[in-house]
Amino acid sequence: MGMSAGGGGGNGPMADINVTPLVDVMLVLIIIFMLITPVLTSGVDVRLPKAKSVDEGQDVGQNIAISVKADESVYVGKNQTSTETLIADLQAEYENDPARGLLIKGDKRLKWKHVHKVMWQINDEGGMSTMLLAVEKSKE
């Protein structure tokens, strides 16, 4: 036999809130965000150089990534480009969203001059002088 709180015959509205569906939805959303967040990093994966002093920020697609891989191939976002079409591809990306920043990702196996050459071309031909350099924080 159950007990009814609130007087009356038990035919009125219940004041209890069922939070189980809310908890289920929130857990599913947390799992989805945990799985998708690592995928949102922009550009092609490269082995980044390590640095001791790092301004920690997570790139989750808000910047246009210029990646220079170990074989000296250059990518704008996830699309490979050449030195002849780099500026045109970059300007096409800027037309989509002009508020985005520029993130340079150079492979740590490269010599600095290869990354510098790409940066110089972007500055000289494209007129873009503000760029972010991606590094990995060293464990030391």
C-alpha atoms as a PDB file:
ATOM      1  CA  MET A   1       0.000   0.000   0.000  1.00  0.00           C
ATOM      2  CA  GLY A   2       1.455   3.393  -1.004  1.00  0.00           C
ATOM      3  CA  MET A   3       1.239   6.673   0.774  1.00  0.00           C
ATOM      4  CA  SER A   4       0.068   9.875  -0.899  1.00  0.00           C
ATOM      5  CA  ALA A   5       1.449  13.231   0.171  1.00  0.00           C
ATOM      6  CA  GLY A   6      -0.483  16.393  -0.463  1.00  0.00           C
ATOM      7  CA  GLY A   7      -3.956  15.553   0.668  1.00  0.00           C
ATOM      8  CA  GLY A   8      -6.864  14.998  -1.606  1.00  0.00           C
ATOM      9  CA  GLY A   9      -7.592  11.824  -3.429  1.00  0.00           C
ATOM     10  CA  GLY A  10      -4.308  11.647  -5.317  1.00  0.00           C
ATOM     11  CA  ASN A  11      -5.930  12.691  -8.589  1.00  0.00           C
ATOM     12  CA  GLY A  12      -4.179  16.114  -8.788  1.00  0.00           C
ATOM     13  CA  PRO A  13      -0.954  16.983 -10.625  1.00  0.00           C
ATOM     14  CA  MET A  14       2.337  15.652  -9.241  1.00  0.00           C
ATOM     15  CA  ALA A  15       4.943  18.172  -8.161  1.00  0.00           C
ATOM     16  CA  ASP A  16       7.934  15.860  -8.741  1.00  0.00           C
ATOM     17  CA  ILE A  17      10.251  16.586 -11.669  1.00  0.00           C
ATOM     18  CA  ASN A  18      11.649  13.621 -13.549  1.00  0.00           C
ATOM     19  CA  VAL A  19      15.312  14.504 -14.200  1.00  0.00           C
ATOM     20  CA  THR A  20      16.291  11.162 -15.734  1.00  0.00           C
ATOM     21  CA  PRO A  21      15.685  12.266 -19.364  1.00  0.00           C
ATOM     22  CA  LEU A  22      17.636  15.471 -18.746  1.00  0.00           C
ATOM     23  CA  VAL A  23      20.580  13.535 -17.322  1.00  0.00           C
ATOM     24  CA  ASP A  24      20.476  11.115 -20.261  1.00  0.00           C
ATOM     25  CA  VAL A  25      20.556  13.939 -22.801  1.00  0.00           C
ATOM     26  CA  MET A  26      23.393  15.740 -20.997  1.00  0.00           C
ATOM     27  CA  LEU A  27      25.509  12.554 -20.840  1.00  0.00           C
ATOM     28  CA  VAL A  28      25.019  11.953 -24.557  1.00  0.00           C
ATOM     29  CA  LEU A  29      26.028  15.561 -25.329  1.00  0.00           C
ATOM     30  CA  ILE A  30      29.143  15.265 -23.167  1.00  0.00           C
ATOM     31  CA  ILE A  31      30.177  12.092 -24.977  1.00  0.00           C
ATOM     32  CA  ILE A  32      29.577  13.690 -28.381  1.00  0.00           C
ATOM     33  CA  PHE A  33      31.677  16.759 -27.490  1.00  0.00           C
ATOM     34  CA  MET A  34      34.459  14.560 -26.088  1.00  0.00           C
ATOM     35  CA  LEU A  35      34.624  12.617 -29.349  1.00  0.00           C
ATOM     36  CA  ILE A  36      34.310  15.553 -31.752  1.00  0.00           C
ATOM     37  CA  THR A  37      36.575  18.141 -30.096  1.00  0.00           C
ATOM     38  CA  PRO A  38      39.893  16.490 -31.093  1.00  0.00           C
ATOM     39  CA  VAL A  39      38.670  16.273 -34.688  1.00  0.00           C
ATOM     40  CA  LEU A  40      37.978  20.020 -34.853  1.00  0.00           C
ATOM     41  CA  THR A  41      41.632  21.030 -34.939  1.00  0.00           C
ATOM     42  CA  SER A  42      42.198  22.772 -38.215  1.00  0.00           C
ATOM     43  CA  GLY A  43      44.692  21.912 -40.874  1.00  0.00           C
ATOM     44  CA  VAL A  44      46.749  18.828 -41.565  1.00  0.00           C
ATOM     45  CA  ASP A  45      48.419  17.002 -38.683  1.00  0.00           C
ATOM     46  CA  VAL A  46      52.116  17.761 -38.426  1.00  0.00           C
ATOM     47  CA  ARG A  47      54.690  17.049 -35.722  1.00  0.00           C
ATOM     48  CA  LEU A  48      54.998  20.433 -34.035  1.00  0.00           C
ATOM     49  CA  PRO A  49      58.208  21.714 -32.451  1.00  0.00           C
ATOM     50  CA  LYS A  50      58.291  21.974 -28.664  1.00  0.00           C
ATOM     51  CA  ALA A  51      58.606  25.274 -26.784  1.00  0.00           C
ATOM     52  CA  LYS A  52      58.991  26.109 -23.096  1.00  0.00           C
ATOM     53  CA  SER A  53      56.964  29.321 -23.036  1.00  0.00           C
ATOM     54  CA  VAL A  54      53.642  28.804 -24.748  1.00  0.00           C
ATOM     55  CA  ASP A  55      50.584  31.016 -24.860  1.00  0.00           C
ATOM     56  CA  GLU A  56      48.120  28.207 -24.358  1.00  0.00           C
ATOM     57  CA  GLY A  57      45.179  28.320 -26.661  1.00  0.00           C
ATOM     58  CA  GLN A  58      43.257  25.573 -28.369  1.00  0.00           C
ATOM     59  CA  ASP A  59      42.671  25.913 -32.085  1.00  0.00           C
ATOM     60  CA  VAL A  60      39.257  24.470 -32.770  1.00  0.00           C
ATOM     61  CA  GLY A  61      38.829  25.654 -36.308  1.00  0.00           C
ATOM     62  CA  GLN A  62      38.650  29.392 -35.698  1.00  0.00           C
ATOM     63  CA  ASN A  63      41.909  30.013 -37.620  1.00  0.00           C
ATOM     64  CA  ILE A  64      42.968  29.305 -41.185  1.00  0.00           C
ATOM     65  CA  ALA A  65      45.731  26.745 -40.844  1.00  0.00           C
ATOM     66  CA  ILE A  66      48.730  26.783 -43.163  1.00  0.00           C
ATOM     67  CA  SER A  67      50.559  23.494 -42.651  1.00  0.00           C
ATOM     68  CA  VAL A  68      54.062  22.775 -43.942  1.00  0.00           C
ATOM     69  CA  LYS A  69      54.780  19.049 -43.765  1.00  0.00           C
ATOM     70  CA  ALA A  70      58.170  17.362 -43.494  1.00  0.00           C
ATOM     71  CA  ASP A  71      58.293  16.777 -47.271  1.00  0.00           C
ATOM     72  CA  GLU A  72      57.898  20.573 -47.734  1.00  0.00           C
ATOM     73  CA  SER A  73      54.347  20.237 -49.082  1.00  0.00           C
ATOM     74  CA  VAL A  74      52.065  23.125 -48.116  1.00  0.00           C
ATOM     75  CA  TYR A  75      48.397  22.856 -47.154  1.00  0.00           C
ATOM     76  CA  VAL A  76      45.737  25.529 -46.733  1.00  0.00           C
ATOM     77  CA  GLY A  77      43.311  23.924 -44.312  1.00  0.00           C
ATOM     78  CA  LYS A  78      43.197  20.305 -45.443  1.00  0.00           C
ATOM     79  CA  ASN A  79      43.816  21.036 -49.141  1.00  0.00           C
ATOM     80  CA  GLN A  80      47.280  20.770 -50.627  1.00  0.00           C
ATOM     81  CA  THR A  81      48.492  23.818 -52.516  1.00  0.00           C
ATOM     82  CA  SER A  82      51.590  24.954 -54.376  1.00  0.00           C
ATOM     83  CA  THR A  83      53.687  28.082 -54.038  1.00  0.00           C
ATOM     84  CA  GLU A  84      52.015  29.457 -57.175  1.00  0.00           C
ATOM     85  CA  THR A  85      48.457  29.055 -55.847  1.00  0.00           C
ATOM     86  CA  LEU A  86      49.066  29.590 -52.111  1.00  0.00           C
ATOM     87  CA  ILE A  87      47.920  33.214 -52.011  1.00  0.00           C
ATOM     88  CA  ALA A  88      44.848  32.563 -54.175  1.00  0.00           C
ATOM     89  CA  ASP A  89      43.819  29.610 -51.980  1.00  0.00           C
ATOM     90  CA  LEU A  90      44.410  31.672 -48.860  1.00  0.00           C
ATOM     91  CA  GLN A  91      42.335  34.576 -50.163  1.00  0.00           C
ATOM     92  CA  ALA A  92      39.528  32.160 -51.054  1.00  0.00           C
ATOM     93  CA  GLU A  93      39.512  30.966 -47.438  1.00  0.00           C
ATOM     94  CA  TYR A  94      39.447  34.564 -46.193  1.00  0.00           C
ATOM     95  CA  GLU A  95      36.435  35.337 -48.370  1.00  0.00           C
ATOM     96  CA  ASN A  96      34.476  32.656 -46.499  1.00  0.00           C
ATOM     97  CA  ASP A  97      35.194  34.303 -43.122  1.00  0.00           C
ATOM     98  CA  PRO A  98      37.433  37.405 -43.045  1.00  0.00           C
ATOM     99  CA  ALA A  99      37.557  37.494 -39.226  1.00  0.00           C
ATOM    100  CA  ARG A 100      39.659  34.322 -39.027  1.00  0.00           C
ATOM    101  CA  GLY A 101      43.309  34.432 -38.025  1.00  0.00           C
ATOM    102  CA  LEU A 102      46.243  32.743 -39.720  1.00  0.00           C
ATOM    103  CA  LEU A 103      47.908  29.776 -37.984  1.00  0.00           C
ATOM    104  CA  ILE A 104      51.233  28.473 -39.321  1.00  0.00           C
ATOM    105  CA  LYS A 105      51.989  24.838 -38.485  1.00  0.00           C
ATOM    106  CA  GLY A 106      55.510  23.788 -39.453  1.00  0.00           C
ATOM    107  CA  ASP A 107      56.763  20.233 -38.983  1.00  0.00           C
ATOM    108  CA  LYS A 108      59.584  20.017 -36.458  1.00  0.00           C
ATOM    109  CA  ARG A 109      61.689  17.943 -38.869  1.00  0.00           C
ATOM    110  CA  LEU A 110      61.870  20.890 -41.294  1.00  0.00           C
ATOM    111  CA  LYS A 111      64.553  23.511 -41.332  1.00  0.00           C
ATOM    112  CA  TRP A 112      63.311  26.934 -40.327  1.00  0.00           C
ATOM    113  CA  LYS A 113      63.996  28.397 -43.782  1.00  0.00           C
ATOM    114  CA  HIS A 114      61.209  26.301 -45.364  1.00  0.00           C
ATOM    115  CA  VAL A 115      58.568  27.635 -42.959  1.00  0.00           C
ATOM    116  CA  HIS A 116      60.042  31.131 -43.198  1.00  0.00           C
ATOM    117  CA  LYS A 117      59.760  31.015 -46.989  1.00  0.00           C
ATOM    118  CA  VAL A 118      56.027  30.290 -46.754  1.00  0.00           C
ATOM    119  CA  MET A 119      55.553  33.035 -44.156  1.00  0.00           C
ATOM    120  CA  TRP A 120      57.484  35.503 -46.287  1.00  0.00           C
ATOM    121  CA  GLN A 121      55.364  34.693 -49.336  1.00  0.00           C
ATOM    122  CA  ILE A 122      52.156  35.225 -47.343  1.00  0.00           C
ATOM    123  CA  ASN A 123      53.469  38.549 -46.046  1.00  0.00           C
ATOM    124  CA  ASP A 124      55.026  39.789 -49.283  1.00  0.00           C
ATOM    125  CA  GLU A 125      52.461  38.696 -51.881  1.00  0.00           C
ATOM    126  CA  GLY A 126      49.356  38.384 -49.730  1.00  0.00           C
ATOM    127  CA  GLY A 127      49.921  41.418 -47.526  1.00  0.00           C
ATOM    128  CA  MET A 128      49.102  39.454 -44.369  1.00  0.00           C
ATOM    129  CA  SER A 129      51.586  40.204 -41.628  1.00  0.00           C
ATOM    130  CA  THR A 130      49.915  38.860 -38.479  1.00  0.00           C
ATOM    131  CA  MET A 131      50.385  35.116 -38.109  1.00  0.00           C
ATOM    132  CA  LEU A 132      50.308  32.666 -35.232  1.00  0.00           C
ATOM    133  CA  LEU A 133      52.913  29.916 -34.957  1.00  0.00           C
ATOM    134  CA  ALA A 134      51.732  26.565 -33.633  1.00  0.00           C
ATOM    135  CA  VAL A 135      54.017  24.779 -31.159  1.00  0.00           C
ATOM    136  CA  GLU A 136      53.622  22.013 -28.645  1.00  0.00           C
ATOM    137  CA  LYS A 137      54.326  22.704 -24.976  1.00  0.00           C
ATOM    138  CA  SER A 138      57.389  20.851 -23.723  1.00  0.00           C
ATOM    139  CA  LYS A 139      57.007  18.686 -20.631  1.00  0.00           C
ATOM    140  CA  GLU A 140      59.965  20.287 -18.825  1.00  0.00           C
END
